[in-house]
Amino acid sequence: MKLGLLLLAALPIASYAQDSIAVTSNDKYPNTFSSGSANVQPFNNKAKRFNDWSVSVGGGAAFMVHSDLKSIYDKKINWGYNAYVSLDKQITHVFGLSLIYQRGETTQKAQLEGAAGIAAGVATANTKYNQVALMGDINFSNLLRRVDNHSPYRWALHGYAGAGFMGYKTSLYDNNEFRWSNDPKRIPLFIEQKFAINSFYYQFGAGVKYNVSKLIDIEARTMYIMSGDDEFDGGGYAGPADYDPSSKVSKYNMINKGRSDNAWTVNLGVSFKLGKHDTHLAWHDPLQEAYYRANVLENKSTELVVCEKGDLDNDGVCDDWDRQLDTSCRSKSRWRGSCIGYGPGWCDRFIR
């Protein structure tokens, strides 16, 4: 009994399922997959109205911050550099993706506490890095642009976030353990991190772009780099002994409690927009386009047009109502009687 009821309930479902499958073979619109719209067409390169590829290059200053050894030490700035190049793809008018390569160098300093700090003096470290990352780009100006803002769209605020892999080389010099000496035998501390799974890092930041022309954008960008590695500033190998107060290894990695040495970059860059269209997708404001078209329709005067389709057979009857488009007034009068009483232009208007 239960099995029979189950089959009875499943029969309509199976029937409608077959009907929905049949829709997929229907290439006419509208249908289930066109959101009820009949204005549907394939989206390909021919249908695109905007450029969506660009190449960006830039460079500026780099600093080691929130680390054991810092670039800003004793109220003095130790300048480093950062340079980048990226291939950018705009997915929508709000979101894009970039494959970015960065390289740079930072210089940082620190001093240990107590007797160890007196013996070693102020240590100087250097970090040279190379990074490859996939980065997301959110256009906040396009996302938050007011619908009543009709000003020229030339400035845009962008937010960035991404992750990737990096390789780096560091060196650390002081006056005690990490110095060039033959008696006793000592050398500076050198660390090399190659591209690997343990060199994973994150970065996020913001930038302000200016639309110079249909080919060029300029940008001021700042990024915060989270290495996730306590060796990035050159303070040590981050082994157990580096955090053991009883060990004899210099404790540069214990100056800051955090286990991630982070850097900060400030850059100026240029984006070269690729493509044949006049506008890049990142600078298109779809709301303004929609409101502009609505405004045109609202302010368009409506005029009554008489005989919009004309009078091709010259019988005095508009083709909008003429049931015999290939006959004149005279031929119609012979077919269904005289035109007497109708007057010029009204012959056989109501002939059925």
Protein backbone atom coordinates (compact mmCIF):
# COMPACT_ATOMS: atom_id res chain seq x y z
CA MET A 1 0.00 0.00 0.00
CA LYS A 2 2.76 2.43 1.01
CA LEU A 3 4.76 1.56 -2.10
CA GLY A 4 1.74 2.30 -4.29
CA LEU A 5 1.25 5.71 -2.65
CA LEU A 6 4.93 6.51 -3.11
CA LEU A 7 4.80 5.67 -6.82
CA LEU A 8 1.62 7.71 -7.19
CA ALA A 9 3.28 10.75 -5.60
CA ALA A 10 6.46 10.36 -7.66
CA LEU A 11 4.67 10.14 -11.02
CA PRO A 12 3.86 13.90 -11.33
CA ILE A 13 7.39 14.79 -10.22
CA ALA A 14 8.89 12.59 -12.91
CA SER A 15 6.59 14.08 -15.53
CA TYR A 16 7.52 17.67 -14.67
CA ALA A 17 11.19 16.72 -14.50
CA GLN A 18 11.04 15.49 -18.07
CA ASP A 19 9.35 18.71 -19.08
CA SER A 20 12.06 20.86 -17.41
CA ILE A 21 14.77 18.86 -19.15
CA ALA A 22 13.08 19.53 -22.47
CA VAL A 23 13.48 23.27 -21.87
CA THR A 24 17.26 22.96 -22.10
CA SER A 25 16.98 21.92 -25.74
CA ASN A 26 14.86 24.94 -26.59
CA ASP A 27 16.97 27.74 -28.06
CA LYS A 28 14.10 30.24 -28.18
CA TYR A 29 13.64 33.04 -25.68
CA PRO A 30 12.19 33.76 -23.23
CA ASN A 31 12.50 30.53 -21.28
CA THR A 32 13.35 29.33 -17.81
CA PHE A 33 17.02 30.21 -18.23
CA SER A 34 16.63 33.75 -19.57
CA SER A 35 14.94 35.28 -16.50
CA GLY A 36 11.85 35.84 -18.61
CA SER A 37 13.64 38.23 -20.95
CA ALA A 38 13.43 37.94 -24.71
CA ASN A 39 16.40 40.28 -25.20
CA VAL A 40 19.02 37.54 -24.76
CA GLN A 41 22.19 37.12 -26.79
CA PRO A 42 25.50 35.27 -26.42
CA PHE A 43 28.11 37.12 -24.34
CA ASN A 44 31.39 36.95 -26.24
CA ASN A 45 34.20 39.28 -27.29
CA LYS A 46 32.05 40.71 -30.07
CA ALA A 47 29.31 41.67 -27.60
CA LYS A 48 31.66 43.38 -25.11
CA ARG A 49 31.39 47.15 -24.85
CA PHE A 50 34.27 47.78 -22.43
CA ASN A 51 37.95 46.94 -22.06
CA ASP A 52 38.69 44.65 -19.12
CA TRP A 53 42.45 43.92 -19.26
CA SER A 54 45.30 46.12 -18.09
CA VAL A 55 48.97 45.97 -17.12
CA SER A 56 50.17 47.87 -14.04
CA VAL A 57 53.67 48.83 -12.93
CA GLY A 58 54.78 50.85 -9.94
CA GLY A 59 57.23 51.32 -7.15
CA GLY A 60 57.98 53.17 -3.96
CA ALA A 61 59.18 52.77 -0.40
CA ALA A 62 59.12 49.69 1.85
CA PHE A 63 59.46 49.43 5.62
CA MET A 64 59.65 46.57 8.11
CA VAL A 65 57.01 47.21 10.76
CA HIS A 66 55.41 45.14 13.55
CA SER A 67 58.52 42.97 13.69
CA ASP A 68 61.48 42.38 16.00
CA LEU A 69 63.82 44.61 14.00
CA LYS A 70 62.10 47.70 12.62
CA SER A 71 62.81 50.13 9.80
CA ILE A 72 61.84 53.07 12.01
CA TYR A 73 64.28 52.95 14.90
CA ASP A 74 65.34 55.64 17.37
CA LYS A 75 63.15 58.17 15.53
CA LYS A 76 65.06 57.60 12.31
CA ILE A 77 63.73 56.04 9.10
CA ASN A 78 65.71 53.36 7.29
CA TRP A 79 64.34 53.52 3.77
CA GLY A 80 63.75 50.47 1.61
CA TYR A 81 62.18 50.03 -1.81
CA ASN A 82 59.37 48.04 -3.39
CA ALA A 83 58.48 47.52 -7.08
CA TYR A 84 55.64 45.61 -8.71
CA VAL A 85 54.18 44.58 -12.04
CA SER A 86 50.76 42.99 -12.47
CA LEU A 87 48.37 41.64 -15.07
CA ASP A 88 44.87 42.82 -14.21
CA LYS A 89 41.51 41.40 -15.26
CA GLN A 90 38.31 43.31 -14.46
CA ILE A 91 35.56 40.75 -13.76
CA THR A 92 32.72 43.24 -13.13
CA HIS A 93 32.55 47.01 -12.76
CA VAL A 94 33.13 46.46 -9.00
CA PHE A 95 35.54 43.50 -8.76
CA GLY A 96 38.78 42.55 -10.49
CA LEU A 97 41.70 40.12 -10.12
CA SER A 98 45.43 40.71 -10.48
CA LEU A 99 48.39 38.40 -10.82
CA ILE A 100 51.14 40.47 -9.21
CA TYR A 101 54.90 40.12 -8.86
CA GLN A 102 56.74 42.22 -6.27
CA ARG A 103 60.33 42.59 -5.22
CA GLY A 104 61.92 44.85 -2.69
CA GLU A 105 64.40 45.41 0.08
CA THR A 106 64.12 46.67 3.64
CA THR A 107 66.66 47.72 6.29
CA GLN A 108 65.80 47.41 9.96
CA LYS A 109 67.48 47.80 13.37
CA ALA A 110 67.05 46.66 16.99
CA GLN A 111 68.99 46.23 20.22
CA LEU A 112 68.73 43.43 22.75
CA GLU A 113 68.02 44.16 26.40
CA GLY A 114 70.51 43.97 29.24
CA ALA A 115 74.11 42.83 29.02
CA ALA A 116 73.52 41.09 25.65
CA GLY A 117 72.36 44.40 24.16
CA ILE A 118 75.39 46.24 25.53
CA ALA A 119 77.74 43.64 24.05
CA ALA A 120 76.03 43.44 20.67
CA GLY A 121 75.15 47.11 20.26
CA VAL A 122 72.51 48.11 17.74
CA ALA A 123 72.01 45.28 15.24
CA THR A 124 71.32 46.02 11.59
CA ALA A 125 69.40 43.59 9.38
CA ASN A 126 68.59 43.56 5.68
CA THR A 127 65.81 41.70 3.83
CA LYS A 128 65.56 41.18 0.08
CA TYR A 129 62.31 39.58 -1.08
CA ASN A 130 60.45 38.37 -4.17
CA GLN A 131 56.72 37.73 -4.09
CA VAL A 132 54.05 36.32 -6.41
CA ALA A 133 50.40 36.63 -5.43
CA LEU A 134 46.82 36.58 -6.65
CA MET A 135 45.08 39.73 -5.49
CA GLY A 136 41.45 40.82 -5.48
CA ASP A 137 40.45 44.41 -6.26
CA ILE A 138 37.21 46.01 -5.04
CA ASN A 139 36.20 49.34 -6.58
CA PHE A 140 34.52 51.05 -3.62
CA SER A 141 33.73 54.19 -5.62
CA ASN A 142 31.69 52.19 -8.12
CA LEU A 143 30.13 50.12 -5.35
CA LEU A 144 29.08 53.12 -3.23
CA ARG A 145 28.53 55.78 -5.91
CA ARG A 146 25.34 57.81 -5.33
CA VAL A 147 22.58 57.55 -7.91
CA ASP A 148 22.24 61.34 -8.01
CA ASN A 149 25.95 61.91 -8.60
CA HIS A 150 26.28 63.10 -12.18
CA SER A 151 29.80 64.50 -11.83
CA PRO A 152 32.61 63.23 -14.07
CA TYR A 153 33.85 59.84 -12.87
CA ARG A 154 37.65 60.27 -12.73
CA TRP A 155 38.64 59.37 -9.15
CA ALA A 156 38.12 55.94 -7.59
CA LEU A 157 38.94 54.37 -4.23
CA HIS A 158 40.11 50.73 -4.44
CA GLY A 159 40.60 48.07 -1.80
CA TYR A 160 43.02 45.16 -2.28
CA ALA A 161 43.48 41.78 -0.61
CA GLY A 162 45.37 38.69 -1.71
CA ALA A 163 47.75 35.88 -0.89
CA GLY A 164 50.75 34.22 -2.47
CA PHE A 165 54.25 32.85 -1.99
CA MET A 166 57.53 34.61 -1.42
CA GLY A 167 61.23 33.94 -1.23
CA TYR A 168 63.69 36.11 0.64
CA LYS A 169 67.26 36.48 1.86
CA THR A 170 68.20 38.19 5.11
CA SER A 171 71.37 39.22 6.88
CA LEU A 172 71.97 40.48 10.42
CA TYR A 173 75.07 42.23 11.79
CA ASP A 174 75.92 43.17 15.38
CA ASN A 175 79.04 43.67 17.48
CA ASN A 176 78.94 40.33 19.27
CA GLU A 177 77.60 37.01 18.00
CA PHE A 178 76.85 38.02 14.42
CA ARG A 179 79.98 39.76 13.16
CA TRP A 180 82.95 38.98 10.98
CA SER A 181 85.60 37.55 13.26
CA ASN A 182 88.31 34.88 13.02
CA ASP A 183 89.11 34.84 16.75
CA PRO A 184 86.66 33.69 17.87
CA LYS A 185 85.18 32.38 14.61
CA ARG A 186 81.99 34.27 13.94
CA ILE A 187 80.02 35.44 10.92
CA PRO A 188 76.83 37.49 10.43
CA LEU A 189 73.51 35.68 10.44
CA PHE A 190 72.32 34.82 6.91
CA ILE A 191 68.90 33.27 6.23
CA GLU A 192 67.47 32.18 2.87
CA GLN A 193 63.85 31.22 2.38
CA LYS A 194 62.98 29.74 -1.01
CA PHE A 195 59.53 29.64 -2.59
CA ALA A 196 57.69 26.86 -0.77
CA ILE A 197 54.44 26.08 1.01
CA ASN A 198 55.86 27.53 4.23
CA SER A 199 56.51 30.86 2.50
CA PHE A 200 52.81 31.63 2.17
CA TYR A 201 51.93 35.26 2.94
CA TYR A 202 48.97 37.67 2.91
CA GLN A 203 48.60 41.30 1.91
CA PHE A 204 45.87 43.92 1.93
CA GLY A 205 45.67 47.64 1.34
CA ALA A 206 44.02 50.52 -0.47
CA GLY A 207 44.66 52.80 -3.41
CA VAL A 208 43.33 55.91 -5.13
CA LYS A 209 43.18 55.86 -8.94
CA TYR A 210 42.80 58.72 -11.39
CA ASN A 211 41.51 58.19 -14.91
CA VAL A 212 43.96 60.16 -17.06
CA SER A 213 42.71 58.92 -20.43
CA LYS A 214 41.17 55.89 -22.08
CA LEU A 215 44.65 54.31 -22.11
CA ILE A 216 46.25 55.31 -18.78
CA ASP A 217 45.37 55.39 -15.07
CA ILE A 218 47.69 56.59 -12.31
CA GLU A 219 47.47 55.36 -8.73
CA ALA A 220 48.78 55.91 -5.22
CA ARG A 221 48.71 52.58 -3.36
CA THR A 222 49.66 51.40 0.12
CA MET A 223 49.88 47.72 1.12
CA TYR A 224 50.40 45.85 4.39
CA ILE A 225 52.30 42.55 4.02
CA MET A 226 51.81 39.81 6.61
CA SER A 227 54.63 37.29 6.20
CA GLY A 228 53.44 34.81 8.84
CA ASP A 229 57.17 34.19 9.45
CA ASP A 230 59.35 35.32 12.35
CA GLU A 231 62.47 35.06 10.18
CA PHE A 232 61.39 37.69 7.64
CA ASP A 233 63.15 40.55 9.46
CA GLY A 234 66.41 38.60 9.74
CA GLY A 235 66.18 38.16 13.53
CA GLY A 236 66.86 34.42 13.58
CA TYR A 237 65.76 30.97 12.46
CA ALA A 238 62.69 30.91 14.75
CA GLY A 239 63.72 27.58 16.26
CA PRO A 240 62.96 26.47 19.83
CA ALA A 241 66.25 27.91 21.11
CA ASP A 242 65.34 31.37 19.81
CA TYR A 243 62.46 31.50 22.30
CA ASP A 244 64.15 29.68 25.21
CA PRO A 245 65.49 32.22 27.74
CA SER A 246 68.00 29.66 29.04
CA SER A 247 69.63 29.02 25.65
CA LYS A 248 72.75 30.87 24.53
CA VAL A 249 71.29 31.92 21.16
CA SER A 250 70.70 35.65 20.71
CA LYS A 251 67.06 36.44 21.38
CA TYR A 252 66.26 38.89 18.58
CA ASN A 253 63.07 36.97 17.84
CA MET A 254 61.85 37.64 21.39
CA ILE A 255 61.96 41.44 21.11
CA ASN A 256 58.43 41.42 19.72
CA LYS A 257 55.91 38.89 21.07
CA GLY A 258 54.36 38.36 17.65
CA ARG A 259 55.52 35.49 15.44
CA SER A 260 54.82 37.26 12.14
CA ASP A 261 57.17 39.93 10.80
CA ASN A 262 55.13 42.35 8.71
CA ALA A 263 56.08 45.00 6.15
CA TRP A 264 54.45 48.13 4.78
CA THR A 265 54.81 49.55 1.27
CA VAL A 266 53.81 52.89 -0.29
CA ASN A 267 53.79 53.01 -4.10
CA LEU A 268 52.99 55.15 -7.09
CA GLY A 269 51.93 53.27 -10.20
CA VAL A 270 50.60 53.43 -13.73
CA SER A 271 48.01 51.16 -15.35
CA PHE A 272 47.95 50.69 -19.11
CA LYS A 273 44.43 49.74 -20.22
CA LEU A 274 44.35 47.24 -23.08
CA GLY A 275 41.67 47.02 -25.75
CA LYS A 276 39.96 48.87 -28.57
CA HIS A 277 36.99 50.29 -26.65
CA ASP A 278 36.80 53.85 -25.33
CA THR A 279 35.95 52.89 -21.75
CA HIS A 280 37.41 50.42 -19.29
CA LEU A 281 34.95 48.33 -17.28
CA ALA A 282 36.37 49.64 -13.99
CA TRP A 283 35.27 53.17 -14.95
CA HIS A 284 31.76 52.30 -16.13
CA ASP A 285 28.86 53.34 -13.93
CA PRO A 286 25.84 51.19 -14.90
CA LEU A 287 23.49 53.05 -12.55
CA GLN A 288 24.19 56.35 -14.26
CA GLU A 289 23.59 54.75 -17.65
CA ALA A 290 20.25 53.34 -16.50
CA TYR A 291 19.13 56.61 -14.91
CA TYR A 292 20.23 58.60 -17.96
CA ARG A 293 18.12 56.44 -20.27
CA ALA A 294 15.15 56.65 -17.90
CA ASN A 295 15.51 60.44 -17.78
CA VAL A 296 15.53 60.64 -21.57
CA LEU A 297 12.32 58.63 -21.78
CA GLU A 298 10.64 60.65 -19.02
CA ASN A 299 11.40 63.96 -20.74
CA LYS A 300 10.53 62.82 -24.23
CA SER A 301 7.34 64.49 -25.50
CA THR A 302 4.66 62.12 -26.76
CA GLU A 303 3.07 63.21 -30.05
CA LEU A 304 0.04 61.69 -31.73
CA VAL A 305 1.10 60.50 -35.15
CA VAL A 306 -1.72 60.08 -37.69
CA CYS A 307 -1.14 57.59 -40.44
CA GLU A 308 2.15 56.43 -38.97
CA LYS A 309 2.46 53.66 -41.58
CA GLY A 310 1.38 55.90 -44.46
CA ASP A 311 -0.98 55.19 -47.36
CA LEU A 312 0.90 53.02 -49.84
CA ASP A 313 -2.06 52.34 -52.20
CA ASN A 314 -3.08 56.02 -52.19
CA ASP A 315 -6.71 55.24 -51.47
CA GLY A 316 -7.10 57.81 -48.73
CA VAL A 317 -7.26 55.17 -46.00
CA CYS A 318 -4.32 54.88 -43.57
CA ASP A 319 -2.48 51.60 -43.75
CA ASP A 320 -2.94 51.35 -39.95
CA TRP A 321 -6.62 50.49 -40.61
CA ASP A 322 -6.71 49.60 -44.32
CA ARG A 323 -7.75 45.97 -44.80
CA GLN A 324 -6.85 45.97 -48.53
CA LEU A 325 -3.37 47.47 -48.87
CA ASP A 326 -3.11 46.81 -52.62
CA THR A 327 -6.37 48.42 -53.87
CA SER A 328 -7.28 52.04 -54.53
CA CYS A 329 -10.51 53.80 -53.60
CA ARG A 330 -11.85 53.47 -57.13
CA SER A 331 -11.19 49.73 -57.38
CA LYS A 332 -12.80 49.19 -53.99
CA SER A 333 -15.89 51.10 -55.06
CA ARG A 334 -16.27 48.78 -58.02
CA TRP A 335 -15.84 45.78 -55.75
CA ARG A 336 -18.19 46.77 -52.93
CA GLY A 337 -20.23 49.60 -54.33
CA SER A 338 -19.85 53.31 -54.74
CA CYS A 339 -17.77 55.74 -52.71
CA ILE A 340 -20.62 58.26 -52.81
CA GLY A 341 -21.26 59.69 -49.39
CA TYR A 342 -17.85 58.83 -47.94
CA GLY A 343 -15.93 61.78 -49.34
CA PRO A 344 -12.22 61.88 -50.29
CA GLY A 345 -9.99 59.94 -47.95
CA TRP A 346 -12.70 57.90 -46.27
CA CYS A 347 -13.57 55.32 -48.90
CA ASP A 348 -14.33 51.83 -47.61
CA ARG A 349 -12.80 52.46 -44.21
CA PHE A 350 -15.16 50.00 -42.58
CA ILE A 351 -15.27 47.36 -45.31
CA ARG A 352 -15.26 43.91 -43.78
